Amino acid sequence: MFDLFPEPARSQLVAAFDEGRSRPEWCFAEGQARLSFWAPFAGAEPVIIWPFDPGPDPATAAGLLRRSLHAMGLKKMIHDISLRPGLHPVVDRAVEHEALTLAGFAMEVERLSLEWVAGSDLPADPGRLTYRPALRMEPGEVLDLLVRISQGSLDHDTRVEVATAGAAHEARWMYDDLVNRKAKPSWFVIGYLGDSPVGLVAPDDHSIAYIGVVPEHRGHGYVDDLLARGTRTLAEAGLQRIVAATDVANVPTANAFLRAGYSEVGRVFRYYWRSS
């Protein structure tokens, strides 16, 4: 089924299959419409549709979406449309937007796509925190921290998952996702002020995958410390480009990235489908 997709999608799907994140039976086609489901790590259920080529007919693509979701027996699904600043899917990806909405997807959140490039100034490390690799700690300690970070989060996905599945479930999923990413074991760290955990930052092989501060330490700029640590870690590893994303509504985190030398390079419009 991977042969249904043109390059570079075909090669990316084959690579995902080798990593246990996609399967031929997760690929579907009808007419000129094509889609595949994608899991964040081996053994996980698929959570995102990629790629999705609706072809010229939104009604056919919507039917393919509905049938594939039913065939997979899924309860929820995400699809992202990435665009340059100033563009909007209603106008600039109209067929894809219409197909998604006809299939029962709703666009719930708009995200900033951010980028730091080599040659930019590195964010200064204020030196207030010490760091411990998360993978050398007991999983329960890290899970507890993730639960605490989810309290009062401004991240849309976190808020929805905590409200529907509970903070412990969301923390477990996040932990499994982060520990399965391509990264050196020392990159995912917990920041401490003395003996008190402040928050964490988890870089992977190309991005700042996750960053968060516990409620009692918010409002003191520690997100800048954590982001400086994550950015410098990847820059010192030789990355020429570091990417990140955060909800447009998450103004404190967005501003932290801009202070750290990241630039807005686009917007991601995230669509959600949930079974009734």
Protein backbone atom coordinates (compact mmCIF):
# COMPACT_ATOMS: atom_id res chain seq x y z
CA MET A 1 0.00 0.00 0.00
CA PHE A 2 2.93 2.39 0.50
CA ASP A 3 3.38 2.32 -3.30
CA LEU A 4 0.16 4.32 -3.59
CA PHE A 5 2.00 7.39 -2.33
CA PRO A 6 4.42 9.54 -4.34
CA GLU A 7 7.85 10.49 -3.05
CA PRO A 8 8.89 11.70 -0.54
CA ALA A 9 5.86 10.34 1.35
CA ARG A 10 6.55 6.77 0.21
CA SER A 11 10.08 6.72 1.63
CA GLN A 12 8.94 8.37 4.85
CA LEU A 13 6.21 5.77 5.31
CA VAL A 14 8.69 2.95 4.69
CA ALA A 15 11.02 4.47 7.30
CA ALA A 16 8.09 4.76 9.73
CA PHE A 17 7.21 1.11 9.07
CA ASP A 18 10.80 0.11 9.91
CA GLU A 19 10.42 2.01 13.20
CA GLY A 20 7.05 0.41 14.00
CA ARG A 21 5.11 3.66 13.54
CA SER A 22 3.12 2.85 10.41
CA ARG A 23 1.84 -0.23 8.59
CA PRO A 24 0.65 -0.99 5.06
CA GLU A 25 -2.80 -1.86 6.45
CA TRP A 26 -3.02 1.66 7.86
CA CYS A 27 -2.99 3.08 4.31
CA PHE A 28 -6.22 3.75 2.40
CA ALA A 29 -7.12 5.04 -1.04
CA GLU A 30 -10.21 5.84 -3.08
CA GLY A 31 -10.18 7.61 -6.41
CA GLN A 32 -7.38 10.16 -6.17
CA ALA A 33 -7.65 10.47 -2.38
CA ARG A 34 -4.90 8.91 -0.25
CA LEU A 35 -4.23 8.77 3.49
CA SER A 36 -2.19 6.90 6.06
CA PHE A 37 -2.35 6.68 9.85
CA TRP A 38 0.75 7.30 11.95
CA ALA A 39 1.71 6.38 15.52
CA PRO A 40 4.13 8.45 17.62
CA PHE A 41 6.21 5.42 18.61
CA ALA A 42 6.34 1.65 18.12
CA GLY A 43 3.48 -0.13 19.87
CA ALA A 44 1.29 2.96 20.17
CA GLU A 45 -2.07 3.39 18.50
CA PRO A 46 -2.09 5.80 15.55
CA VAL A 47 -3.05 9.32 16.54
CA ILE A 48 -2.42 11.39 13.41
CA ILE A 49 -3.36 11.19 9.74
CA TRP A 50 -0.32 11.70 7.53
CA PRO A 51 -0.09 12.03 4.65
CA PHE A 52 -3.57 13.05 3.55
CA ASP A 53 -4.03 13.88 -0.11
CA PRO A 54 -7.73 14.57 -0.70
CA GLY A 55 -7.40 14.79 -4.47
CA PRO A 56 -9.79 17.16 -6.26
CA ASP A 57 -13.06 15.91 -4.73
CA PRO A 58 -13.72 16.71 -1.05
CA ALA A 59 -16.78 14.43 -0.91
CA THR A 60 -14.77 11.38 -2.03
CA ALA A 61 -12.00 12.23 0.41
CA ALA A 62 -14.49 12.69 3.25
CA GLY A 63 -15.97 9.27 2.51
CA LEU A 64 -12.49 7.75 2.57
CA LEU A 65 -11.81 9.39 5.92
CA ARG A 66 -15.04 8.08 7.44
CA ARG A 67 -14.54 4.54 6.14
CA SER A 68 -10.90 4.33 7.18
CA LEU A 69 -11.63 5.57 10.70
CA HIS A 70 -14.39 2.99 11.02
CA ALA A 71 -12.15 0.22 9.65
CA MET A 72 -9.42 1.10 12.14
CA GLY A 73 -11.87 1.20 15.07
CA LEU A 74 -10.35 4.44 16.34
CA LYS A 75 -11.89 6.74 18.94
CA LYS A 76 -10.00 9.94 18.13
CA MET A 77 -7.71 11.29 15.45
CA ILE A 78 -5.71 14.41 14.63
CA HIS A 79 -4.76 15.97 11.32
CA ASP A 80 -2.47 18.98 10.95
CA ILE A 81 -2.37 21.43 8.06
CA SER A 82 0.88 23.40 8.02
CA LEU A 83 0.99 26.72 6.18
CA ARG A 84 3.21 29.75 5.84
CA PRO A 85 2.32 32.82 7.96
CA GLY A 86 -0.69 34.70 6.66
CA LEU A 87 -2.31 31.71 4.94
CA HIS A 88 -5.43 29.88 6.13
CA PRO A 89 -6.73 26.40 5.22
CA VAL A 90 -10.27 27.62 4.49
CA VAL A 91 -8.84 29.55 1.54
CA ASP A 92 -5.43 28.06 0.84
CA ARG A 93 -6.22 24.34 1.36
CA ALA A 94 -9.94 24.54 0.66
CA VAL A 95 -10.44 20.98 -0.64
CA GLU A 96 -8.59 19.45 2.32
CA HIS A 97 -10.46 21.66 4.81
CA GLU A 98 -13.84 20.79 3.27
CA ALA A 99 -13.07 17.06 3.22
CA LEU A 100 -12.10 17.12 6.89
CA THR A 101 -15.17 19.04 7.98
CA LEU A 102 -17.49 16.83 5.90
CA ALA A 103 -15.96 13.80 7.66
CA GLY A 104 -16.69 15.27 11.10
CA PHE A 105 -13.32 16.84 11.92
CA ALA A 106 -13.25 20.25 13.60
CA MET A 107 -10.40 22.74 13.57
CA GLU A 108 -9.88 23.39 17.28
CA VAL A 109 -6.48 25.00 17.68
CA GLU A 110 -3.96 27.08 15.77
CA ARG A 111 -0.28 26.57 16.57
CA LEU A 112 2.87 28.55 15.91
CA SER A 113 5.66 26.81 13.99
CA LEU A 114 8.97 28.10 15.31
CA GLU A 115 12.58 27.68 14.26
CA TRP A 116 16.06 28.42 15.57
CA VAL A 117 18.89 28.30 13.01
CA ALA A 118 22.63 27.95 13.49
CA GLY A 119 24.33 31.32 13.46
CA SER A 120 21.62 32.90 15.60
CA ASP A 121 22.56 33.94 19.11
CA LEU A 122 22.22 31.17 21.64
CA PRO A 123 19.90 31.96 24.54
CA ALA A 124 21.84 32.76 27.70
CA ASP A 125 21.66 30.21 30.52
CA PRO A 126 20.85 32.20 33.69
CA GLY A 127 22.54 29.50 35.76
CA ARG A 128 19.75 29.29 38.32
CA LEU A 129 18.96 25.60 37.83
CA THR A 130 20.78 22.30 38.03
CA TYR A 131 19.74 19.42 35.83
CA ARG A 132 19.22 15.68 36.17
CA PRO A 133 18.65 13.33 33.21
CA ALA A 134 15.04 12.15 33.37
CA LEU A 135 15.90 8.68 32.07
CA ARG A 136 18.16 8.04 35.05
CA MET A 137 15.33 8.76 37.46
CA GLU A 138 12.55 6.46 38.57
CA PRO A 139 9.69 6.67 36.04
CA GLY A 140 7.26 7.41 38.87
CA GLU A 141 9.15 10.60 39.73
CA VAL A 142 8.94 11.86 36.15
CA LEU A 143 5.29 10.84 35.83
CA ASP A 144 4.46 12.77 38.99
CA LEU A 145 6.18 15.82 37.56
CA LEU A 146 4.28 15.52 34.28
CA VAL A 147 1.00 15.32 36.21
CA ARG A 148 1.90 18.49 38.09
CA ILE A 149 2.92 20.32 34.90
CA SER A 150 -0.45 19.45 33.34
CA GLN A 151 -2.27 21.37 36.10
CA GLY A 152 -3.35 24.71 34.70
CA SER A 153 -1.61 24.05 31.37
CA LEU A 154 -2.41 26.42 28.51
CA ASP A 155 -1.75 23.67 25.94
CA HIS A 156 -4.99 22.67 24.21
CA ASP A 157 -4.15 18.97 23.80
CA THR A 158 -3.10 18.65 27.44
CA ARG A 159 -6.24 20.37 28.70
CA VAL A 160 -8.51 18.14 26.58
CA GLU A 161 -6.74 14.92 27.57
CA VAL A 162 -6.72 15.80 31.27
CA ALA A 163 -10.44 16.64 31.11
CA THR A 164 -11.40 13.48 29.22
CA ALA A 165 -8.87 10.80 30.22
CA GLY A 166 -7.33 12.20 33.40
CA ALA A 167 -3.96 13.67 34.30
CA ALA A 168 -2.36 10.30 35.07
CA HIS A 169 -3.29 8.89 31.65
CA GLU A 170 -2.00 12.01 29.90
CA ALA A 171 1.27 11.86 31.87
CA ARG A 172 1.77 8.18 31.00
CA TRP A 173 1.20 8.83 27.30
CA MET A 174 3.55 11.83 27.34
CA TYR A 175 6.26 9.90 29.17
CA ASP A 176 6.06 6.99 26.72
CA ASP A 177 6.22 9.41 23.80
CA LEU A 178 9.23 11.30 25.15
CA VAL A 179 11.31 8.26 26.10
CA ASN A 180 10.75 6.74 22.65
CA ARG A 181 11.97 9.78 20.73
CA LYS A 182 15.30 9.87 18.95
CA ALA A 183 17.53 11.62 21.46
CA LYS A 184 20.58 11.03 23.60
CA PRO A 185 19.64 9.86 27.12
CA SER A 186 21.16 12.98 28.67
CA TRP A 187 19.06 15.43 26.65
CA PHE A 188 15.69 14.96 28.44
CA VAL A 189 16.28 16.71 31.78
CA ILE A 190 14.52 17.87 34.93
CA GLY A 191 15.53 21.32 36.15
CA TYR A 192 15.95 21.83 39.91
CA LEU A 193 16.14 24.88 42.14
CA GLY A 194 18.03 23.38 45.05
CA ASP A 195 16.12 20.17 45.76
CA SER A 196 12.85 21.43 44.28
CA PRO A 197 11.92 20.29 40.73
CA VAL A 198 10.99 23.31 38.63
CA GLY A 199 10.16 21.74 35.30
CA LEU A 200 11.52 19.79 32.39
CA VAL A 201 12.68 20.13 28.81
CA ALA A 202 12.83 17.25 26.33
CA PRO A 203 14.75 17.85 23.09
CA ASP A 204 14.82 15.15 20.42
CA ASP A 205 16.95 14.82 17.30
CA HIS A 206 15.44 17.88 15.62
CA SER A 207 13.13 19.73 18.00
CA ILE A 208 12.15 20.91 21.43
CA ALA A 209 9.57 18.17 21.89
CA TYR A 210 8.21 19.29 25.25
CA ILE A 211 8.81 21.95 27.88
CA GLY A 212 6.90 22.70 31.06
CA VAL A 213 7.07 24.29 34.50
CA VAL A 214 5.24 23.09 37.63
CA PRO A 215 2.54 25.47 38.91
CA GLU A 216 4.35 26.61 42.06
CA HIS A 217 7.35 27.82 40.04
CA ARG A 218 5.48 29.60 37.25
CA GLY A 219 5.78 33.34 36.85
CA HIS A 220 9.52 33.49 37.58
CA GLY A 221 10.88 33.01 34.07
CA TYR A 222 12.12 29.45 34.56
CA VAL A 223 10.79 28.52 31.12
CA ASP A 224 13.66 30.67 29.78
CA ASP A 225 16.20 28.61 31.75
CA LEU A 226 14.74 25.32 30.51
CA LEU A 227 14.50 26.50 26.91
CA ALA A 228 18.07 27.80 26.99
CA ARG A 229 19.21 24.39 28.22
CA GLY A 230 17.31 22.52 25.50
CA THR A 231 18.36 24.84 22.69
CA ARG A 232 22.02 24.87 23.71
CA THR A 233 22.00 21.07 24.02
CA LEU A 234 20.91 20.64 20.42
CA ALA A 235 23.09 23.46 19.08
CA GLU A 236 26.16 21.98 20.77
CA ALA A 237 25.24 18.61 19.22
CA GLY A 238 25.62 20.25 15.82
CA LEU A 239 22.02 20.78 14.75
CA GLN A 240 21.72 23.51 12.13
CA ARG A 241 17.99 23.90 12.64
CA ILE A 242 15.82 23.35 15.72
CA VAL A 243 12.05 23.37 15.37
CA ALA A 244 9.30 23.79 17.93
CA ALA A 245 5.58 24.47 18.12
CA THR A 246 3.18 25.88 20.66
CA ASP A 247 -0.45 26.97 20.67
CA VAL A 248 -1.05 30.56 19.57
CA ALA A 249 -3.08 30.99 22.77
CA ASN A 250 -0.14 29.84 24.92
CA VAL A 251 1.33 33.34 24.96
CA PRO A 252 3.89 32.79 27.77
CA THR A 253 5.52 29.84 26.00
CA ALA A 254 5.37 31.52 22.60
CA ASN A 255 7.08 34.61 24.01
CA ALA A 256 9.75 32.43 25.63
CA PHE A 257 10.65 30.93 22.26
CA LEU A 258 10.85 34.38 20.67
CA ARG A 259 13.10 35.63 23.49
CA ALA A 260 15.33 32.59 22.92
CA GLY A 261 15.95 33.55 19.30
CA TYR A 262 13.32 31.41 17.58
CA SER A 263 11.37 32.87 14.66
CA GLU A 264 7.84 32.17 13.54
CA VAL A 265 8.01 30.29 10.24
CA GLY A 266 4.40 29.19 9.87
CA ARG A 267 1.15 28.10 11.43
CA VAL A 268 -0.25 24.64 12.09
CA PHE A 269 -4.02 24.27 12.02
CA ARG A 270 -4.95 21.20 14.04
CA TYR A 271 -8.16 19.30 13.26
CA TYR A 272 -9.70 16.76 15.63
CA TRP A 273 -12.11 13.89 15.12
CA ARG A 274 -13.67 12.00 18.03
CA SER A 275 -16.14 9.15 17.82
CA SER A 276 -19.62 10.01 19.04
